PDB file of N, CA and C in Angstrom:
ATOM      1  N   MET A   1     -43.814-152.887  87.088  1.00  0.00           N
ATOM      2  CA  MET A   1     -43.519-153.451  88.307  1.00  0.00           C
ATOM      3  C   MET A   1     -44.536-154.406  88.609  1.00  0.00           C
ATOM      4  N   ALA A   2     -43.986-155.594  88.980  1.00  0.00           N
ATOM      5  CA  ALA A   2     -45.075-156.617  89.428  1.00  0.00           C
ATOM      6  C   ALA A   2     -46.047-156.333  90.445  1.00  0.00           C
ATOM      7  N   LEU A   3     -45.547-155.480  91.567  1.00  0.00           N
ATOM      8  CA  LEU A   3     -46.430-155.306  92.585  1.00  0.00           C
ATOM      9  C   LEU A   3     -47.653-154.387  91.988  1.00  0.00           C
ATOM     10  N   LYS A   4     -47.387-153.520  90.941  1.00  0.00           N
ATOM     11  CA  LYS A   4     -48.462-152.847  90.278  1.00  0.00           C
ATOM     12  C   LYS A   4     -49.508-153.558  89.642  1.00  0.00           C
ATOM     13  N   LYS A   5     -49.083-154.649  89.285  1.00  0.00           N
ATOM     14  CA  LYS A   5     -49.643-155.629  88.372  1.00  0.00           C
ATOM     15  C   LYS A   5     -50.391-156.740  89.247  1.00  0.00           C
ATOM     16  N   GLY A   6     -50.376-156.634  90.684  1.00  0.00           N
ATOM     17  CA  GLY A   6     -51.145-157.332  91.592  1.00  0.00           C
ATOM     18  C   GLY A   6     -50.416-158.379  92.136  1.00  0.00           C
ATOM     19  N   LYS A   7     -49.129-158.558  91.832  1.00  0.00           N
ATOM     20  CA  LYS A   7     -48.445-159.655  92.325  1.00  0.00           C
ATOM     21  C   LYS A   7     -48.257-159.516  93.850  1.00  0.00           C
ATOM     22  N   SER A   8     -48.174-160.516  94.450  1.00  0.00           N
ATOM     23  CA  SER A   8     -48.049-160.421  95.917  1.00  0.00           C
ATOM     24  C   SER A   8     -46.703-160.200  96.379  1.00  0.00           C
ATOM     25  N   PHE A   9     -46.641-159.159  97.730  1.00  0.00           N
ATOM     26  CA  PHE A   9     -45.277-158.760  97.990  1.00  0.00           C
ATOM     27  C   PHE A   9     -44.512-160.127  98.498  1.00  0.00           C
ATOM     28  N   ILE A  10     -45.190-160.868  99.216  1.00  0.00           N
ATOM     29  CA  ILE A  10     -44.632-161.880 100.106  1.00  0.00           C
ATOM     30  C   ILE A  10     -44.006-162.834  98.829  1.00  0.00           C
ATOM     31  N   THR A  11     -44.693-163.232  97.847  1.00  0.00           N
ATOM     32  CA  THR A  11     -44.169-163.986  96.660  1.00  0.00           C
ATOM     33  C   THR A  11     -42.984-163.323  96.048  1.00  0.00           C
ATOM     34  N   LEU A  12     -42.974-162.134  95.729  1.00  0.00           N
ATOM     35  CA  LEU A  12     -41.894-161.209  95.211  1.00  0.00           C
ATOM     36  C   LEU A  12     -40.769-161.551  96.070  1.00  0.00           C
ATOM     37  N   ALA A  13     -40.943-161.160  97.184  1.00  0.00           N
ATOM     38  CA  ALA A  13     -39.691-161.146  98.194  1.00  0.00           C
ATOM     39  C   ALA A  13     -39.190-162.511  98.039  1.00  0.00           C
ATOM     40  N   LYS A  14     -40.048-163.680  98.363  1.00  0.00           N
ATOM     41  CA  LYS A  14     -39.148-164.916  98.377  1.00  0.00           C
ATOM     42  C   LYS A  14     -38.495-165.379  96.916  1.00  0.00           C
ATOM     43  N   GLU A  15     -39.309-164.894  95.826  1.00  0.00           N
ATOM     44  CA  GLU A  15     -38.520-165.166  94.618  1.00  0.00           C
ATOM     45  C   GLU A  15     -37.281-164.353  94.303  1.00  0.00           C
ATOM     46  N   LYS A  16     -37.308-163.198  94.480  1.00  0.00           N
ATOM     47  CA  LYS A  16     -36.486-162.219  94.259  1.00  0.00           C
ATOM     48  C   LYS A  16     -35.315-161.604  95.025  1.00  0.00           C
ATOM     49  N   SER A  17     -35.789-161.663  96.371  1.00  0.00           N
ATOM     50  CA  SER A  17     -34.943-160.982  97.463  1.00  0.00           C
ATOM     51  C   SER A  17     -33.541-161.831  97.619  1.00  0.00           C
ATOM     52  N   LEU A  18     -32.458-160.996  97.793  1.00  0.00           N
ATOM     53  CA  LEU A  18     -31.117-161.433  98.035  1.00  0.00           C
ATOM     54  C   LEU A  18     -30.762-161.680  99.654  1.00  0.00           C
ATOM     55  N   GLY A  19     -31.733-160.784 100.174  1.00  0.00           N
ATOM     56  CA  GLY A  19     -31.489-160.609 101.727  1.00  0.00           C
ATOM     57  C   GLY A  19     -31.958-161.959 102.498  1.00  0.00           C
ATOM     58  N   PRO A  20     -31.542-161.749 103.830  1.00  0.00           N
ATOM     59  CA  PRO A  20     -32.044-162.967 104.754  1.00  0.00           C
ATOM     60  C   PRO A  20     -33.513-162.876 104.861  1.00  0.00           C
ATOM     61  N   SER A  21     -34.224-161.653 104.702  1.00  0.00           N
ATOM     62  CA  SER A  21     -35.556-161.741 105.078  1.00  0.00           C
ATOM     63  C   SER A  21     -36.292-162.276 104.050  1.00  0.00           C
ATOM     64  N   GLY A  22     -35.890-162.472 102.752  1.00  0.00           N
ATOM     65  CA  GLY A  22     -36.423-163.048 101.630  1.00  0.00           C
ATOM     66  C   GLY A  22     -37.182-164.373 101.943  1.00  0.00           C
ATOM     67  N   LYS A  23     -36.672-165.155 102.417  1.00  0.00           N
ATOM     68  CA  LYS A  23     -37.007-166.591 102.823  1.00  0.00           C
ATOM     69  C   LYS A  23     -38.411-166.639 103.589  1.00  0.00           C
ATOM     70  N   ASN A  24     -38.658-165.499 104.174  1.00  0.00           N
ATOM     71  CA  ASN A  24     -39.881-165.462 105.054  1.00  0.00           C
ATOM     72  C   ASN A  24     -40.814-164.179 104.664  1.00  0.00           C
ATOM     73  N   GLY A  25     -40.616-164.316 103.143  1.00  0.00           N
ATOM     74  CA  GLY A  25     -41.557-163.145 102.583  1.00  0.00           C
ATOM     75  C   GLY A  25     -41.129-161.588 102.613  1.00  0.00           C
ATOM     76  N   GLY A  26     -40.034-161.463 103.151  1.00  0.00           N
ATOM     77  CA  GLY A  26     -39.461-160.124 103.148  1.00  0.00           C
ATOM     78  C   GLY A  26     -40.070-159.554 104.662  1.00  0.00           C
ATOM     79  N   ASN A  27     -40.555-160.372 105.565  1.00  0.00           N
ATOM     80  CA  ASN A  27     -41.105-159.825 106.839  1.00  0.00           C
ATOM     81  C   ASN A  27     -40.066-159.488 107.840  1.00  0.00           C
ATOM     82  N   LEU A  28     -40.017-158.139 108.327  1.00  0.00           N
ATOM     83  CA  LEU A  28     -38.912-157.779 109.127  1.00  0.00           C
ATOM     84  C   LEU A  28     -39.608-157.483 110.418  1.00  0.00           C
ATOM     85  N   ARG A  29     -40.946-157.854 110.805  1.00  0.00           N
ATOM     86  CA  ARG A  29     -41.647-157.786 112.203  1.00  0.00           C
ATOM     87  C   ARG A  29     -41.500-156.273 112.491  1.00  0.00           C
ATOM     88  N   PHE A  30     -42.068-155.796 113.495  1.00  0.00           N
ATOM     89  CA  PHE A  30     -42.067-154.526 113.949  1.00  0.00           C
ATOM     90  C   PHE A  30     -40.613-154.082 114.433  1.00  0.00           C
ATOM     91  N   PHE A  31     -40.326-152.779 113.971  1.00  0.00           N
ATOM     92  CA  PHE A  31     -39.014-152.233 114.380  1.00  0.00           C
ATOM     93  C   PHE A  31     -39.223-150.643 114.501  1.00  0.00           C
ATOM     94  N   SER A  32     -38.253-150.046 115.382  1.00  0.00           N
ATOM     95  CA  SER A  32     -38.550-148.723 115.359  1.00  0.00           C
ATOM     96  C   SER A  32     -37.372-148.139 114.434  1.00  0.00           C
ATOM     97  N   LYS A  33     -37.447-146.562 114.575  1.00  0.00           N
ATOM     98  CA  LYS A  33     -36.876-145.866 113.625  1.00  0.00           C
ATOM     99  C   LYS A  33     -35.127-146.180 113.798  1.00  0.00           C
ATOM    100  N   SER A  34     -35.006-146.154 114.983  1.00  0.00           N
ATOM    101  CA  SER A  34     -33.542-146.098 115.361  1.00  0.00           C
ATOM    102  C   SER A  34     -33.035-147.801 115.194  1.00  0.00           C
ATOM    103  N   GLN A  35     -33.778-148.621 114.792  1.00  0.00           N
ATOM    104  CA  GLN A  35     -33.084-149.864 114.459  1.00  0.00           C
ATOM    105  C   GLN A  35     -32.682-150.237 113.141  1.00  0.00           C
ATOM    106  N   MET A  36     -33.030-149.263 112.344  1.00  0.00           N
ATOM    107  CA  MET A  36     -32.615-149.391 110.629  1.00  0.00           C
ATOM    108  C   MET A  36     -31.702-148.246 110.430  1.00  0.00           C
ATOM    109  N   VAL A  37     -31.165-148.400 109.283  1.00  0.00           N
ATOM    110  CA  VAL A  37     -30.355-147.326 108.643  1.00  0.00           C
ATOM    111  C   VAL A  37     -31.121-146.231 108.257  1.00  0.00           C
ATOM    112  N   SER A  38     -30.594-145.171 108.297  1.00  0.00           N
ATOM    113  CA  SER A  38     -31.515-143.764 108.078  1.00  0.00           C
ATOM    114  C   SER A  38     -32.405-143.978 106.838  1.00  0.00           C
ATOM    115  N   PRO A  39     -31.791-144.040 105.530  1.00  0.00           N
ATOM    116  CA  PRO A  39     -32.614-144.102 104.462  1.00  0.00           C
ATOM    117  C   PRO A  39     -33.762-144.956 104.414  1.00  0.00           C
ATOM    118  N   PHE A  40     -33.621-146.413 105.021  1.00  0.00           N
ATOM    119  CA  PHE A  40     -34.343-147.251 105.219  1.00  0.00           C
ATOM    120  C   PHE A  40     -35.627-146.667 106.157  1.00  0.00           C
ATOM    121  N   SER A  41     -35.051-146.236 107.114  1.00  0.00           N
ATOM    122  CA  SER A  41     -36.231-145.744 108.296  1.00  0.00           C
ATOM    123  C   SER A  41     -37.047-144.642 107.723  1.00  0.00           C
ATOM    124  N   LYS A  42     -36.231-143.810 107.057  1.00  0.00           N
ATOM    125  CA  LYS A  42     -37.090-142.536 106.487  1.00  0.00           C
ATOM    126  C   LYS A  42     -38.090-142.916 105.681  1.00  0.00           C
ATOM    127  N   ALA A  43     -37.882-143.892 104.732  1.00  0.00           N
ATOM    128  CA  ALA A  43     -38.727-144.297 103.624  1.00  0.00           C
ATOM    129  C   ALA A  43     -39.842-145.292 104.421  1.00  0.00           C
ATOM    130  N   ALA A  44     -39.555-146.056 105.377  1.00  0.00           N
ATOM    131  CA  ALA A  44     -40.533-146.921 105.924  1.00  0.00           C
ATOM    132  C   ALA A  44     -41.449-146.102 106.651  1.00  0.00           C
ATOM    133  N   PHE A  45     -41.199-145.261 107.523  1.00  0.00           N
ATOM    134  CA  PHE A  45     -41.980-144.630 108.246  1.00  0.00           C
ATOM    135  C   PHE A  45     -42.636-143.385 107.830  1.00  0.00           C
ATOM    136  N   SER A  46     -42.303-143.032 106.488  1.00  0.00           N
ATOM    137  CA  SER A  46     -43.049-142.152 105.665  1.00  0.00           C
ATOM    138  C   SER A  46     -44.233-142.998 104.867  1.00  0.00           C
ATOM    139  N   LEU A  47     -44.406-144.207 105.047  1.00  0.00           N
ATOM    140  CA  LEU A  47     -45.647-144.914 104.235  1.00  0.00           C
ATOM    141  C   LEU A  47     -46.763-145.079 105.225  1.00  0.00           C
ATOM    142  N   ARG A  48     -48.034-145.178 104.506  1.00  0.00           N
ATOM    143  CA  ARG A  48     -49.094-145.585 105.330  1.00  0.00           C
ATOM    144  C   ARG A  48     -49.372-146.990 105.375  1.00  0.00           C
ATOM    145  N   GLU A  49     -50.090-147.688 106.238  1.00  0.00           N
ATOM    146  CA  GLU A  49     -50.199-149.093 106.114  1.00  0.00           C
ATOM    147  C   GLU A  49     -50.748-149.516 104.778  1.00  0.00           C
ATOM    148  N   GLY A  50     -50.283-150.597 104.366  1.00  0.00           N
ATOM    149  CA  GLY A  50     -50.844-151.119 102.973  1.00  0.00           C
ATOM    150  C   GLY A  50     -50.095-150.632 101.721  1.00  0.00           C
ATOM    151  N   THR A  51     -49.264-149.643 102.009  1.00  0.00           N
ATOM    152  CA  THR A  51     -48.590-149.180 100.819  1.00  0.00           C
ATOM    153  C   THR A  51     -47.111-149.416 100.932  1.00  0.00           C
ATOM    154  N   TYR A  52     -46.348-149.407  99.723  1.00  0.00           N
ATOM    155  CA  TYR A  52     -45.293-149.722  99.507  1.00  0.00           C
ATOM    156  C   TYR A  52     -44.282-148.599  98.831  1.00  0.00           C
ATOM    157  N   THR A  53     -42.854-148.629  98.769  1.00  0.00           N
ATOM    158  CA  THR A  53     -42.118-147.508  98.134  1.00  0.00           C
ATOM    159  C   THR A  53     -42.279-147.811  96.726  1.00  0.00           C
ATOM    160  N   GLU A  54     -42.490-146.575  95.898  1.00  0.00           N
ATOM    161  CA  GLU A  54     -42.481-146.604  94.450  1.00  0.00           C
ATOM    162  C   GLU A  54     -41.119-146.884  93.703  1.00  0.00           C
ATOM    163  N   LYS A  55     -40.298-146.253  94.296  1.00  0.00           N
ATOM    164  CA  LYS A  55     -38.737-146.447  94.111  1.00  0.00           C
ATOM    165  C   LYS A  55     -38.119-147.287  94.681  1.00  0.00           C
ATOM    166  N   PRO A  56     -37.094-147.983  94.744  1.00  0.00           N
ATOM    167  CA  PRO A  56     -36.264-148.815  95.429  1.00  0.00           C
ATOM    168  C   PRO A  56     -35.298-147.806  96.337  1.00  0.00           C
ATOM    169  N   VAL A  57     -35.177-148.366  97.428  1.00  0.00           N
ATOM    170  CA  VAL A  57     -34.609-147.525  98.483  1.00  0.00           C
ATOM    171  C   VAL A  57     -33.123-148.129  98.731  1.00  0.00           C
ATOM    172  N   LYS A  58     -32.070-147.170  98.486  1.00  0.00           N
ATOM    173  CA  LYS A  58     -30.621-147.498  98.379  1.00  0.00           C
ATOM    174  C   LYS A  58     -30.241-147.411 100.111  1.00  0.00           C
ATOM    175  N   THR A  59     -29.513-148.275 100.366  1.00  0.00           N
ATOM    176  CA  THR A  59     -28.755-148.342 101.725  1.00  0.00           C
ATOM    177  C   THR A  59     -27.441-148.942 101.423  1.00  0.00           C
ATOM    178  N   GLN A  60     -26.605-148.986 102.555  1.00  0.00           N
ATOM    179  CA  GLN A  60     -25.431-149.805 102.219  1.00  0.00           C
ATOM    180  C   GLN A  60     -25.528-151.278 101.970  1.00  0.00           C
ATOM    181  N   PHE A  61     -26.485-151.623 102.592  1.00  0.00           N
ATOM    182  CA  PHE A  61     -26.922-153.227 102.305  1.00  0.00           C
ATOM    183  C   PHE A  61     -27.488-153.639 100.812  1.00  0.00           C
ATOM    184  N   GLY A  62     -27.877-152.586 100.049  1.00  0.00           N
ATOM    185  CA  GLY A  62     -28.345-152.865  98.839  1.00  0.00           C
ATOM    186  C   GLY A  62     -29.654-152.000  98.399  1.00  0.00           C
ATOM    187  N   TRP A  63     -30.577-152.600  97.688  1.00  0.00           N
ATOM    188  CA  TRP A  63     -31.460-151.770  97.392  1.00  0.00           C
ATOM    189  C   TRP A  63     -32.747-152.484  97.862  1.00  0.00           C
ATOM    190  N   HIS A  64     -33.892-151.540  98.245  1.00  0.00           N
ATOM    191  CA  HIS A  64     -34.803-152.393  98.830  1.00  0.00           C
ATOM    192  C   HIS A  64     -36.292-151.829  98.424  1.00  0.00           C
ATOM    193  N   ILE A  65     -37.264-152.742  98.322  1.00  0.00           N
ATOM    194  CA  ILE A  65     -38.747-152.212  98.284  1.00  0.00           C
ATOM    195  C   ILE A  65     -39.236-152.407  99.519  1.00  0.00           C
ATOM    196  N   ILE A  66     -39.801-151.421 100.153  1.00  0.00           N
ATOM    197  CA  ILE A  66     -40.472-151.594 101.540  1.00  0.00           C
ATOM    198  C   ILE A  66     -41.907-151.592 101.233  1.00  0.00           C
ATOM    199  N   LYS A  67     -42.729-152.541 102.148  1.00  0.00           N
ATOM    200  CA  LYS A  67     -44.076-152.384 102.223  1.00  0.00           C
ATOM    201  C   LYS A  67     -44.431-152.390 103.645  1.00  0.00           C
ATOM    202  N   VAL A  68     -45.440-151.491 104.145  1.00  0.00           N
ATOM    203  CA  VAL A  68     -45.642-151.542 105.584  1.00  0.00           C
ATOM    204  C   VAL A  68     -46.975-152.149 105.458  1.00  0.00           C
ATOM    205  N   GLU A  69     -47.248-153.329 106.319  1.00  0.00           N
ATOM    206  CA  GLU A  69     -48.422-153.978 106.450  1.00  0.00           C
ATOM    207  C   GLU A  69     -48.997-153.433 107.570  1.00  0.00           C
ATOM    208  N   ASP A  70     -48.427-153.394 108.849  1.00  0.00           N
ATOM    209  CA  ASP A  70     -49.141-152.745 109.952  1.00  0.00           C
ATOM    210  C   ASP A  70     -48.191-151.789 110.661  1.00  0.00           C
ATOM    211  N   SER A  71     -48.730-151.099 111.745  1.00  0.00           N
ATOM    212  CA  SER A  71     -47.704-150.278 112.394  1.00  0.00           C
ATOM    213  C   SER A  71     -48.372-150.335 113.845  1.00  0.00           C
ATOM    214  N   ARG A  72     -47.716-149.940 114.999  1.00  0.00           N
ATOM    215  CA  ARG A  72     -48.036-149.610 116.316  1.00  0.00           C
ATOM    216  C   ARG A  72     -47.186-148.886 117.111  1.00  0.00           C
ATOM    217  N   PHE A  73     -47.637-148.127 117.957  1.00  0.00           N
ATOM    218  CA  PHE A  73     -47.136-147.297 118.813  1.00  0.00           C
ATOM    219  C   PHE A  73     -46.004-148.124 119.786  1.00  0.00           C
ATOM    220  N   ALA A  74     -44.963-147.363 119.856  1.00  0.00           N
ATOM    221  CA  ALA A  74     -43.887-148.203 120.744  1.00  0.00           C
ATOM    222  C   ALA A  74     -44.289-148.131 122.194  1.00  0.00           C
ATOM    223  N   GLU A  75     -43.819-149.478 122.758  1.00  0.00           N
ATOM    224  CA  GLU A  75     -44.158-149.473 124.117  1.00  0.00           C
ATOM    225  C   GLU A  75     -43.339-148.737 124.868  1.00  0.00           C
ATOM    226  N   ASN A  76     -43.817-147.988 126.066  1.00  0.00           N
ATOM    227  CA  ASN A  76     -42.891-147.530 127.065  1.00  0.00           C
ATOM    228  C   ASN A  76     -42.408-148.596 128.084  1.00  0.00           C
ATOM    229  N   ARG A  77     -41.045-148.696 128.067  1.00  0.00           N
ATOM    230  CA  ARG A  77     -40.415-149.876 128.999  1.00  0.00           C
ATOM    231  C   ARG A  77     -39.602-149.066 130.054  1.00  0.00           C
ATOM    232  N   SER A  78     -39.599-149.601 131.222  1.00  0.00           N
ATOM    233  CA  SER A  78     -38.778-148.931 132.367  1.00  0.00           C
ATOM    234  C   SER A  78     -37.200-149.134 131.799  1.00  0.00           C
ATOM    235  N   PHE A  79     -36.531-148.371 132.712  1.00  0.00           N
ATOM    236  CA  PHE A  79     -35.136-148.360 132.672  1.00  0.00           C
ATOM    237  C   PHE A  79     -34.476-149.594 132.929  1.00  0.00           C
ATOM    238  N   GLU A  80     -34.822-150.498 133.917  1.00  0.00           N
ATOM    239  CA  GLU A  80     -34.613-151.863 134.154  1.00  0.00           C
ATOM    240  C   GLU A  80     -34.683-152.780 132.760  1.00  0.00           C
ATOM    241  N   GLU A  81     -35.749-152.595 132.008  1.00  0.00           N
ATOM    242  CA  GLU A  81     -35.858-153.372 130.788  1.00  0.00           C
ATOM    243  C   GLU A  81     -34.926-152.832 129.804  1.00  0.00           C
ATOM    244  N   MET A  82     -34.609-151.527 129.775  1.00  0.00           N
ATOM    245  CA  MET A  82     -33.785-151.101 128.713  1.00  0.00           C
ATOM    246  C   MET A  82     -32.285-151.028 128.851  1.00  0.00           C
ATOM    247  N   GLU A  83     -31.939-151.350 130.365  1.00  0.00           N
ATOM    248  CA  GLU A  83     -30.493-151.375 130.769  1.00  0.00           C
ATOM    249  C   GLU A  83     -29.587-152.000 129.731  1.00  0.00           C
ATOM    250  N   ASN A  84     -29.933-153.142 129.391  1.00  0.00           N
ATOM    251  CA  ASN A  84     -29.064-153.968 128.641  1.00  0.00           C
ATOM    252  C   ASN A  84     -28.784-153.363 127.107  1.00  0.00           C
ATOM    253  N   GLU A  85     -29.853-152.905 126.635  1.00  0.00           N
ATOM    254  CA  GLU A  85     -30.062-152.172 125.301  1.00  0.00           C
ATOM    255  C   GLU A  85     -29.178-150.860 125.323  1.00  0.00           C
ATOM    256  N   ILE A  86     -29.418-150.156 126.291  1.00  0.00           N
ATOM    257  CA  ILE A  86     -28.676-148.981 126.529  1.00  0.00           C
ATOM    258  C   ILE A  86     -26.923-149.429 126.450  1.00  0.00           C
ATOM    259  N   LYS A  87     -26.679-150.342 127.346  1.00  0.00           N
ATOM    260  CA  LYS A  87     -25.446-150.695 127.422  1.00  0.00           C
ATOM    261  C   LYS A  87     -24.696-150.968 126.012  1.00  0.00           C
ATOM    262  N   ARG A  88     -25.526-151.895 125.410  1.00  0.00           N
ATOM    263  CA  ARG A  88     -25.234-152.520 124.179  1.00  0.00           C
ATOM    264  C   ARG A  88     -24.934-151.369 123.241  1.00  0.00           C
ATOM    265  N   ARG A  89     -25.858-150.342 123.077  1.00  0.00           N
ATOM    266  CA  ARG A  89     -25.764-149.068 122.050  1.00  0.00           C
ATOM    267  C   ARG A  89     -24.367-148.558 122.413  1.00  0.00           C
ATOM    268  N   LEU A  90     -24.242-148.071 123.675  1.00  0.00           N
ATOM    269  CA  LEU A  90     -23.212-147.169 124.146  1.00  0.00           C
ATOM    270  C   LEU A  90     -21.858-147.874 123.797  1.00  0.00           C
ATOM    271  N   LEU A  91     -21.836-149.108 123.838  1.00  0.00           N
ATOM    272  CA  LEU A  91     -20.531-149.777 123.798  1.00  0.00           C
ATOM    273  C   LEU A  91     -20.220-150.082 122.312  1.00  0.00           C
ATOM    274  N   SER A  92     -21.302-150.245 121.434  1.00  0.00           N
ATOM    275  CA  SER A  92     -21.141-150.262 120.150  1.00  0.00           C
ATOM    276  C   SER A  92     -20.596-148.948 119.512  1.00  0.00           C
ATOM    277  N   LYS A  93     -21.278-147.650 120.190  1.00  0.00           N
ATOM    278  CA  LYS A  93     -20.865-146.564 119.546  1.00  0.00           C
ATOM    279  C   LYS A  93     -19.458-146.143 119.908  1.00  0.00           C
ATOM    280  N   MET A  94     -18.888-146.521 121.107  1.00  0.00           N
ATOM    281  CA  MET A  94     -17.587-146.378 121.808  1.00  0.00           C
ATOM    282  C   MET A  94     -16.625-147.169 120.670  1.00  0.00           C
ATOM    283  N   TYR A  95     -17.039-148.380 120.307  1.00  0.00           N
ATOM    284  CA  TYR A  95     -16.150-149.086 119.452  1.00  0.00           C
ATOM    285  C   TYR A  95     -16.015-148.628 118.093  1.00  0.00           C
ATOM    286  N   GLU A  96     -17.352-147.951 117.508  1.00  0.00           N
ATOM    287  CA  GLU A  96     -17.089-147.479 116.176  1.00  0.00           C
ATOM    288  C   GLU A  96     -16.085-146.257 116.341  1.00  0.00           C
ATOM    289  N   ASN A  97     -16.311-145.453 117.133  1.00  0.00           N
ATOM    290  CA  ASN A  97     -15.566-144.279 117.490  1.00  0.00           C
ATOM    291  C   ASN A  97     -13.892-144.418 117.569  1.00  0.00           C
ATOM    292  N   ILE A  98     -13.711-145.676 118.396  1.00  0.00           N
ATOM    293  CA  ILE A  98     -12.289-146.186 118.423  1.00  0.00           C
ATOM    294  C   ILE A  98     -11.955-146.676 117.107  1.00  0.00           C
ATOM    295  N   VAL A  99     -12.397-147.380 116.364  1.00  0.00           N
ATOM    296  CA  VAL A  99     -12.298-147.913 115.075  1.00  0.00           C
ATOM    297  C   VAL A  99     -11.925-146.685 114.139  1.00  0.00           C
ATOM    298  N   GLN A 100     -13.065-145.898 114.206  1.00  0.00           N
ATOM    299  CA  GLN A 100     -12.766-144.797 113.144  1.00  0.00           C
ATOM    300  C   GLN A 100     -11.435-143.918 113.543  1.00  0.00           C
ATOM    301  N   SER A 101     -11.184-143.703 114.785  1.00  0.00           N
ATOM    302  CA  SER A 101     -10.012-142.850 115.173  1.00  0.00           C
ATOM    303  C   SER A 101      -8.760-143.832 114.775  1.00  0.00           C
ATOM    304  N   LEU A 102      -8.722-145.040 114.959  1.00  0.00           N
ATOM    305  CA  LEU A 102      -7.524-145.762 114.515  1.00  0.00           C
ATOM    306  C   LEU A 102      -7.389-145.924 112.854  1.00  0.00           C
ATOM    307  N   ARG A 103      -8.453-145.781 112.275  1.00  0.00           N
ATOM    308  CA  ARG A 103      -8.322-145.660 110.791  1.00  0.00           C
ATOM    309  C   ARG A 103      -7.687-144.163 110.437  1.00  0.00           C
ATOM    310  N   VAL A 104      -8.162-143.211 110.824  1.00  0.00           N
ATOM    311  CA  VAL A 104      -7.634-141.970 110.739  1.00  0.00           C
ATOM    312  C   VAL A 104      -6.106-142.063 110.943  1.00  0.00           C
ATOM    313  N   LYS A 105      -5.628-142.501 112.080  1.00  0.00           N
ATOM    314  CA  LYS A 105      -4.191-142.311 112.491  1.00  0.00           C
ATOM    315  C   LYS A 105      -3.334-143.428 111.788  1.00  0.00           C
ATOM    316  N   ALA A 106      -3.854-144.461 111.038  1.00  0.00           N
ATOM    317  CA  ALA A 106      -3.236-145.495 110.511  1.00  0.00           C
ATOM    318  C   ALA A 106      -2.338-145.030 109.108  1.00  0.00           C
ATOM    319  N   LYS A 107      -1.294-145.574 108.988  1.00  0.00           N
ATOM    320  CA  LYS A 107      -0.439-145.284 107.978  1.00  0.00           C
ATOM    321  C   LYS A 107      -0.147-146.527 107.428  1.00  0.00           C
ATOM    322  N   ILE A 108      -1.008-146.828 106.359  1.00  0.00           N
ATOM    323  CA  ILE A 108      -1.010-148.274 105.548  1.00  0.00           C
ATOM    324  C   ILE A 108      -0.441-148.133 104.107  1.00  0.00           C
ATOM    325  N   THR A 109       0.820-148.676 103.760  1.00  0.00           N
ATOM    326  CA  THR A 109       1.462-148.581 102.454  1.00  0.00           C
ATOM    327  C   THR A 109       1.566-149.887 101.892  1.00  0.00           C
ATOM    328  N   LEU A 110       1.107-150.086 100.649  1.00  0.00           N
ATOM    329  CA  LEU A 110       1.019-151.153 100.064  1.00  0.00           C
ATOM    330  C   LEU A 110       2.365-151.153  99.001  1.00  0.00           C
ATOM    331  N   GLY A 111       2.991-152.069  98.729  1.00  0.00           N
ATOM    332  CA  GLY A 111       3.955-152.383  97.636  1.00  0.00           C
ATOM    333  C   GLY A 111       5.116-153.262  97.949  1.00  0.00           C
ATOM    334  N   VAL A 112       6.002-153.166  96.951  1.00  0.00           N
ATOM    335  CA  VAL A 112       7.142-154.162  97.460  1.00  0.00           C
ATOM    336  C   VAL A 112       8.032-153.543  98.214  1.00  0.00           C
ATOM    337  N   ASN A 113       8.490-154.359  99.110  1.00  0.00           N
ATOM    338  CA  ASN A 113       9.855-153.977  99.885  1.00  0.00           C
ATOM    339  C   ASN A 113      11.195-153.907  98.919  1.00  0.00           C
ATOM    340  N   THR A 114      11.581-152.782  98.662  1.00  0.00           N
ATOM    341  CA  THR A 114      12.849-152.893  97.847  1.00  0.00           C
ATOM    342  C   THR A 114      14.084-153.384  98.750  1.00  0.00           C
ATOM    343  N   LYS A 115      13.947-153.188  99.932  1.00  0.00           N
ATOM    344  CA  LYS A 115      15.265-153.322 100.764  1.00  0.00           C
ATOM    345  C   LYS A 115      15.325-154.851 101.064  1.00  0.00           C
ATOM    346  N   ALA A 116      14.401-155.542 100.883  1.00  0.00           N
ATOM    347  CA  ALA A 116      14.351-157.015 101.158  1.00  0.00           C
ATOM    348  C   ALA A 116      15.348-157.597 100.242  1.00  0.00           C
ATOM    349  N   LYS A 117      16.145-158.678 100.923  1.00  0.00           N
ATOM    350  CA  LYS A 117      17.100-159.471 100.102  1.00  0.00           C
ATOM    351  C   LYS A 117      16.683-160.783  99.917  1.00  0.00           C
ATOM    352  N   ARG A 118      17.080-161.349  98.729  1.00  0.00           N
ATOM    353  CA  ARG A 118      16.578-162.807  98.627  1.00  0.00           C
ATOM    354  C   ARG A 118      17.482-163.671  99.468  1.00  0.00           C
ATOM    355  N   LYS A 119      16.784-164.697  99.989  1.00  0.00           N
ATOM    356  CA  LYS A 119      17.333-165.589 100.998  1.00  0.00           C
ATOM    357  C   LYS A 119      18.641-166.090 100.433  1.00  0.00           C
ATOM    358  N   ASN A 120      18.676-166.625  99.123  1.00  0.00           N
ATOM    359  CA  ASN A 120      19.810-167.316  98.580  1.00  0.00           C
ATOM    360  C   ASN A 120      21.089-166.396  97.963  1.00  0.00           C
ATOM    361  N   ALA A 121      20.536-165.034  98.049  1.00  0.00           N
ATOM    362  CA  ALA A 121      21.314-163.987  97.115  1.00  0.00           C
ATOM    363  C   ALA A 121      22.519-163.977  98.056  1.00  0.00           C
ATOM    364  N   GLN A 122      23.835-163.534  97.502  1.00  0.00           N
ATOM    365  CA  GLN A 122      25.011-163.477  98.341  1.00  0.00           C
ATOM    366  C   GLN A 122      25.565-161.959  97.821  1.00  0.00           C
TER     367      GLN A 122
END
C-alpha cells in the first residue's frame, strides 16, 4: 500500500479517489458519528489521530480508506440551535418510512401486455 511506503494521504486521495472529497485531498472536515453511514462511522471513530484504516471500509457508497487527522469533542448546542436539524432528520426518517411502506405494498410486473392490439390490425 502506498500509504505504508510513505506517500501522502492527501496526494493519494487527489489521484485515486472517485468521490467528491478527492479533489480536496479526502478532507471531510469534522463530523459526528450520526452524520456518516454506520460502517464508515465505526471505522473512523475507532481510529486514533494520525492513523488510517489498514483495510478498505465498504459502504453503500463504495470503498474507503479513512485517516483521522484530528478529533474534538462535539459542542453542546441549545434546542433553538438544533431545532431545524431535528426537524430535518425527523422529516427525512418519515419520508424513508413512507417510501419503504409503499415499496412493500407495490405490485410491479414487467412484461409484454398480451391483450394489447395493434393499431392497424383488424
